[in-house]
Amino acid sequence: MLDVRHPFFPTFMRLMSEAASKSPVYDLGTSGRFVKEVGLVRHLFDEQEYRAGGFHPDNLGKPGGCDFDCDIENMHDVPDGSVGSVICMEVLEHTQHPRQAVSEIHRVLEAHGIAIVSVPFYISYHGKSEVRDNPLVFNERIRPSGSRHSDYGDFWRFTHEGIALLFAEAGFSRVDVHPVDGWLLSRLQVLGLYHGLSKLPGMAALLSKLDRPRLGRATTMHFVRAEKS
């Protein structure tokens, strides 16, 4: 998870500012209002124009909970072209059919709307499914994994080319992909060392100078800005 010391945070702020300027804003696949990194930039948003959607959430309608029930692969209750911007943070890897999810994001966005999406690349398994033992497939049937926030699986990792292809095939006219870090920070993140080191005086600035994010190289995750024509 990003924090204000992370070298990618200024770019994250810029992307979130643009999303906040295109209302209504739909935060899809979340566990509540302004959770994860979105909570760091809550001040950017008009809270009346922000809606949080989770899959069969237990906290639906509760303070700080989700505003609506949302199956990102089939948002049949959301009209075509009715959304100004979409935020979708660390969700696509948990969907069984990410191509369908991206197509739905494109459908609900209005013309010139944008989607800000984050997806993992170099990161360990982080699902909550209890599917851990072989056989994973038996008699041609895959062992099921849920989509609720209590038992979701973790299915996919995305290169910059793969995620760009998904969004291009869905009909987006422009897709920009940003690696959040490079070989050094991505390895420190995987080892669980980054957050501790970054709290040391001057260490966050030093790590930022040593790290060089580049498309096509190791990175913890990619941020995507996709625009609908």
Protein backbone atom coordinates (compact mmCIF):
# COMPACT_ATOMS: atom_id res chain seq x y z
CA MET A 1 0.00 0.00 0.00
CA LEU A 2 1.21 3.49 -0.84
CA ASP A 3 1.88 6.10 1.82
CA VAL A 4 2.80 9.78 1.65
CA ARG A 5 6.54 8.94 1.78
CA HIS A 6 6.40 6.72 -1.28
CA PRO A 7 8.04 8.26 -4.38
CA PHE A 8 4.96 7.44 -6.47
CA PHE A 9 2.65 9.41 -4.18
CA PRO A 10 2.81 12.71 -6.16
CA THR A 11 1.74 10.85 -9.32
CA PHE A 12 -0.99 9.10 -7.34
CA MET A 13 -2.22 12.50 -6.11
CA ARG A 14 -2.36 13.81 -9.67
CA LEU A 15 -4.35 10.80 -10.88
CA MET A 16 -6.77 11.00 -7.97
CA SER A 17 -7.23 14.75 -8.48
CA GLU A 18 -8.27 14.14 -12.07
CA ALA A 19 -10.67 11.37 -11.03
CA ALA A 20 -12.19 13.61 -8.36
CA SER A 21 -12.85 16.33 -10.94
CA LYS A 22 -15.09 14.04 -13.03
CA SER A 23 -18.24 13.26 -11.07
CA PRO A 24 -19.93 11.09 -10.14
CA VAL A 25 -16.97 9.02 -8.95
CA TYR A 26 -17.51 5.28 -8.50
CA ASP A 27 -15.01 3.41 -6.32
CA LEU A 28 -15.52 -0.19 -7.44
CA GLY A 29 -14.65 -3.41 -5.62
CA THR A 30 -13.90 -1.65 -2.36
CA SER A 31 -14.69 -2.70 1.21
CA GLY A 32 -16.00 0.73 2.25
CA ARG A 33 -15.89 4.47 1.67
CA PHE A 34 -12.40 5.95 1.25
CA VAL A 35 -10.46 2.86 2.29
CA LYS A 36 -6.93 1.82 1.26
CA GLU A 37 -4.96 4.51 -0.57
CA VAL A 38 -8.09 6.50 -1.42
CA GLY A 39 -8.35 7.44 2.24
CA LEU A 40 -5.08 9.37 1.94
CA VAL A 41 -6.65 11.77 -0.57
CA ARG A 42 -10.21 11.96 0.74
CA HIS A 43 -10.01 15.74 0.85
CA LEU A 44 -9.89 15.85 -2.95
CA PHE A 45 -13.41 14.47 -3.35
CA ASP A 46 -16.91 15.86 -3.08
CA GLU A 47 -18.33 13.22 -0.76
CA GLN A 48 -21.83 13.69 -2.21
CA GLU A 49 -20.50 12.73 -5.65
CA TYR A 50 -18.51 9.70 -4.45
CA ARG A 51 -20.03 6.21 -4.30
CA ALA A 52 -18.38 3.06 -2.96
CA GLY A 53 -19.40 -0.31 -4.38
CA GLY A 54 -18.48 -3.70 -2.91
CA PHE A 55 -19.53 -7.25 -3.74
CA HIS A 56 -22.27 -8.36 -1.32
CA PRO A 57 -20.81 -6.16 1.45
CA ASP A 58 -21.77 -6.81 5.06
CA ASN A 59 -21.57 -3.06 5.78
CA LEU A 60 -23.99 -1.90 3.07
CA GLY A 61 -25.48 1.47 3.99
CA LYS A 62 -23.67 1.66 7.33
CA PRO A 63 -21.47 4.64 8.28
CA GLY A 64 -18.19 4.26 6.39
CA GLY A 65 -19.54 1.18 4.60
CA CYS A 66 -20.36 0.59 0.96
CA ASP A 67 -23.06 2.63 -0.76
CA PHE A 68 -24.19 -0.10 -3.15
CA ASP A 69 -23.78 -3.79 -3.96
CA CYS A 70 -21.52 -4.15 -6.97
CA ASP A 71 -20.53 -7.13 -9.09
CA ILE A 72 -17.85 -5.47 -11.18
CA GLU A 73 -18.25 -8.10 -13.89
CA ASN A 74 -21.97 -7.32 -14.27
CA MET A 75 -23.03 -3.86 -13.10
CA HIS A 76 -26.54 -4.18 -14.48
CA ASP A 77 -27.92 -1.53 -12.10
CA VAL A 78 -25.53 1.15 -13.42
CA PRO A 79 -26.77 2.77 -16.67
CA ASP A 80 -24.54 3.16 -19.71
CA GLY A 81 -22.46 6.35 -19.73
CA SER A 82 -23.62 7.51 -16.31
CA VAL A 83 -20.29 7.69 -14.44
CA GLY A 84 -17.69 10.45 -14.67
CA SER A 85 -14.75 8.47 -13.33
CA VAL A 86 -14.02 5.04 -11.91
CA ILE A 87 -11.51 4.13 -9.24
CA CYS A 88 -10.65 0.45 -8.96
CA MET A 89 -7.81 -0.28 -6.56
CA GLU A 90 -6.25 -3.74 -6.41
CA VAL A 91 -9.44 -5.45 -7.56
CA LEU A 92 -8.95 -6.91 -11.06
CA GLU A 93 -6.57 -9.60 -9.82
CA HIS A 94 -9.42 -10.91 -7.64
CA THR A 95 -11.94 -11.15 -10.48
CA GLN A 96 -12.38 -14.41 -12.32
CA HIS A 97 -13.00 -12.62 -15.63
CA PRO A 98 -11.02 -9.35 -15.71
CA ARG A 99 -11.81 -8.75 -19.41
CA GLN A 100 -15.51 -8.61 -18.58
CA ALA A 101 -14.85 -6.31 -15.62
CA VAL A 102 -12.89 -3.84 -17.78
CA SER A 103 -15.63 -3.93 -20.43
CA GLU A 104 -18.17 -3.03 -17.76
CA ILE A 105 -16.02 -0.14 -16.56
CA HIS A 106 -15.91 1.16 -20.13
CA ARG A 107 -19.68 0.78 -20.53
CA VAL A 108 -20.66 2.77 -17.44
CA LEU A 109 -18.24 5.65 -18.09
CA GLU A 110 -19.49 8.72 -19.90
CA ALA A 111 -17.66 10.09 -22.95
CA HIS A 112 -14.22 11.41 -21.93
CA GLY A 113 -14.58 9.69 -18.55
CA ILE A 114 -11.51 8.09 -17.01
CA ALA A 115 -10.68 4.98 -15.03
CA ILE A 116 -7.85 4.93 -12.48
CA VAL A 117 -6.98 1.32 -11.79
CA SER A 118 -4.17 -0.37 -9.86
CA VAL A 119 -3.07 -3.95 -10.51
CA PRO A 120 -0.24 -6.04 -9.05
CA PHE A 121 2.78 -7.33 -10.92
CA TYR A 122 5.57 -8.42 -8.56
CA ILE A 123 3.79 -9.30 -5.35
CA SER A 124 2.90 -12.40 -3.36
CA TYR A 125 -0.51 -14.08 -3.17
CA HIS A 126 -2.91 -11.90 -1.21
CA GLY A 127 -6.32 -13.53 -1.52
CA LYS A 128 -8.43 -14.75 1.39
CA SER A 129 -9.54 -17.99 -0.23
CA GLU A 130 -8.95 -21.23 1.63
CA VAL A 131 -8.26 -23.04 -1.64
CA ARG A 132 -4.71 -24.12 -0.88
CA ASP A 133 -4.48 -27.86 -1.57
CA ASN A 134 -4.36 -30.06 -4.65
CA PRO A 135 -6.22 -31.09 -6.66
CA LEU A 136 -7.28 -27.60 -7.67
CA VAL A 137 -9.20 -29.15 -10.54
CA PHE A 138 -10.98 -32.49 -10.13
CA ASN A 139 -13.16 -34.23 -12.72
CA GLU A 140 -12.88 -31.12 -14.92
CA ARG A 141 -14.28 -28.88 -12.19
CA ILE A 142 -12.26 -26.15 -10.57
CA ARG A 143 -12.53 -25.75 -6.83
CA PRO A 144 -14.60 -22.61 -6.28
CA SER A 145 -13.26 -19.42 -4.76
CA GLY A 146 -15.62 -16.74 -3.48
CA SER A 147 -15.78 -13.06 -4.37
CA ARG A 148 -16.89 -11.65 -1.02
CA HIS A 149 -14.44 -9.58 1.01
CA SER A 150 -14.14 -12.48 3.44
CA ASP A 151 -13.18 -15.24 1.00
CA TYR A 152 -12.01 -13.84 -2.35
CA GLY A 153 -9.35 -15.52 -4.46
CA ASP A 154 -6.28 -14.06 -6.14
CA PHE A 155 -6.08 -15.06 -9.81
CA TRP A 156 -3.94 -12.75 -11.93
CA ARG A 157 -0.80 -10.62 -12.30
CA PHE A 158 -0.52 -7.95 -15.01
CA THR A 159 2.38 -6.71 -17.13
CA HIS A 160 2.18 -3.24 -18.67
CA GLU A 161 1.46 -4.79 -22.06
CA GLY A 162 -1.20 -7.13 -20.73
CA ILE A 163 -3.15 -4.47 -18.88
CA ALA A 164 -2.92 -2.08 -21.85
CA LEU A 165 -4.31 -4.80 -24.11
CA LEU A 166 -7.25 -5.43 -21.76
CA PHE A 167 -8.26 -1.77 -21.76
CA ALA A 168 -7.66 -1.26 -25.48
CA GLU A 169 -9.82 -4.26 -26.36
CA ALA A 170 -12.58 -2.88 -24.11
CA GLY A 171 -12.66 0.29 -26.24
CA PHE A 172 -10.61 2.82 -24.30
CA SER A 173 -9.00 5.38 -26.61
CA ARG A 174 -5.94 6.10 -24.48
CA VAL A 175 -4.23 3.96 -21.85
CA ASP A 176 -1.27 5.14 -19.74
CA VAL A 177 0.45 2.65 -17.46
CA HIS A 178 2.68 3.75 -14.59
CA PRO A 179 4.98 1.42 -12.61
CA VAL A 180 4.86 2.51 -8.97
CA ASP A 181 8.45 1.51 -8.17
CA GLY A 182 11.52 -0.24 -9.56
CA TRP A 183 13.70 -3.23 -8.81
CA LEU A 184 14.87 -2.00 -5.39
CA LEU A 185 11.60 -0.87 -3.80
CA SER A 186 9.63 -3.76 -5.29
CA ARG A 187 11.96 -6.26 -3.64
CA LEU A 188 11.89 -4.42 -0.33
CA GLN A 189 8.08 -4.43 -0.52
CA VAL A 190 7.92 -8.17 -1.17
CA LEU A 191 10.30 -8.82 1.73
CA GLY A 192 8.17 -6.62 3.99
CA LEU A 193 11.07 -4.24 4.68
CA TYR A 194 10.06 -1.04 2.92
CA HIS A 195 7.67 0.48 5.44
CA GLY A 196 10.09 -0.01 8.33
CA LEU A 197 13.07 1.38 6.41
CA SER A 198 11.12 4.35 5.05
CA LYS A 199 10.44 5.57 8.60
CA LEU A 200 14.16 6.07 9.24
CA PRO A 201 15.28 9.72 8.85
CA GLY A 202 16.27 10.43 5.26
CA MET A 203 15.84 6.82 4.15
CA ALA A 204 12.71 7.35 2.03
CA ALA A 205 14.48 10.08 0.02
CA LEU A 206 17.59 7.91 -0.42
CA LEU A 207 15.57 4.89 -1.60
CA SER A 208 13.71 7.11 -4.05
CA LYS A 209 17.00 8.27 -5.58
CA LEU A 210 18.30 4.72 -5.91
CA ASP A 211 15.08 3.30 -7.37
CA ARG A 212 14.26 3.76 -11.06
CA PRO A 213 10.74 2.69 -12.13
CA ARG A 214 10.64 1.63 -15.79
CA LEU A 215 7.97 0.00 -17.89
CA GLY A 216 8.85 -3.59 -18.62
CA ARG A 217 10.96 -3.97 -15.47
CA ALA A 218 10.20 -5.29 -11.99
CA THR A 219 7.60 -3.27 -10.11
CA THR A 220 5.21 -3.98 -7.26
CA MET A 221 2.18 -2.81 -9.21
CA HIS A 222 1.00 -0.74 -12.13
CA PHE A 223 -1.36 2.21 -12.04
CA VAL A 224 -3.51 2.64 -15.12
CA ARG A 225 -5.16 5.79 -16.42
CA ALA A 226 -7.62 4.81 -19.14
CA GLU A 227 -9.70 7.36 -21.04
CA LYS A 228 -12.93 6.73 -22.93
CA SER A 229 -13.35 8.67 -26.17
